[in-house]
């Protein structure tokens, strides 16, 4: 290493394993199969869904949630990936609470929207766990 790159007396710090686990844990943990079915049943499957208008990638949210509720998470993932090839990543990082979930009619009426981001993550995680390839 070139001389002068490091200051004397200053050492690079490393976090302990438990600190890494705390700092990099999921903010919104994934849904299991039962939780996804219960959450998807909360959706009204609106015809002119405000959540779709709020989604920057215009994913057909009512359709993919209906596919989960009918036991078709692979079809749901295909619906997501057809519109947004980065759907699995977006399910984790998209600020759904200020986009689609904020305009959900359940949020307006009850103060608790359908957890669209977590349902999207569930569907894409199931497809990736089964190593589904939707595009050649």
Foldseek 3Di string as FASTA:
>chain_A
DDPPPDDPPDDDDDDDPVVCCVVPPAPDDADDLVRLLVLLVVAPLDPPQQLLVQDPLSQSQSVLSVCSNVPRLQVSLVSQCVRPVCQLVCLRPPPSCPTSQVRAVCCVVPVGGRSSSNSSNNSNVVCVVVPDDPDD
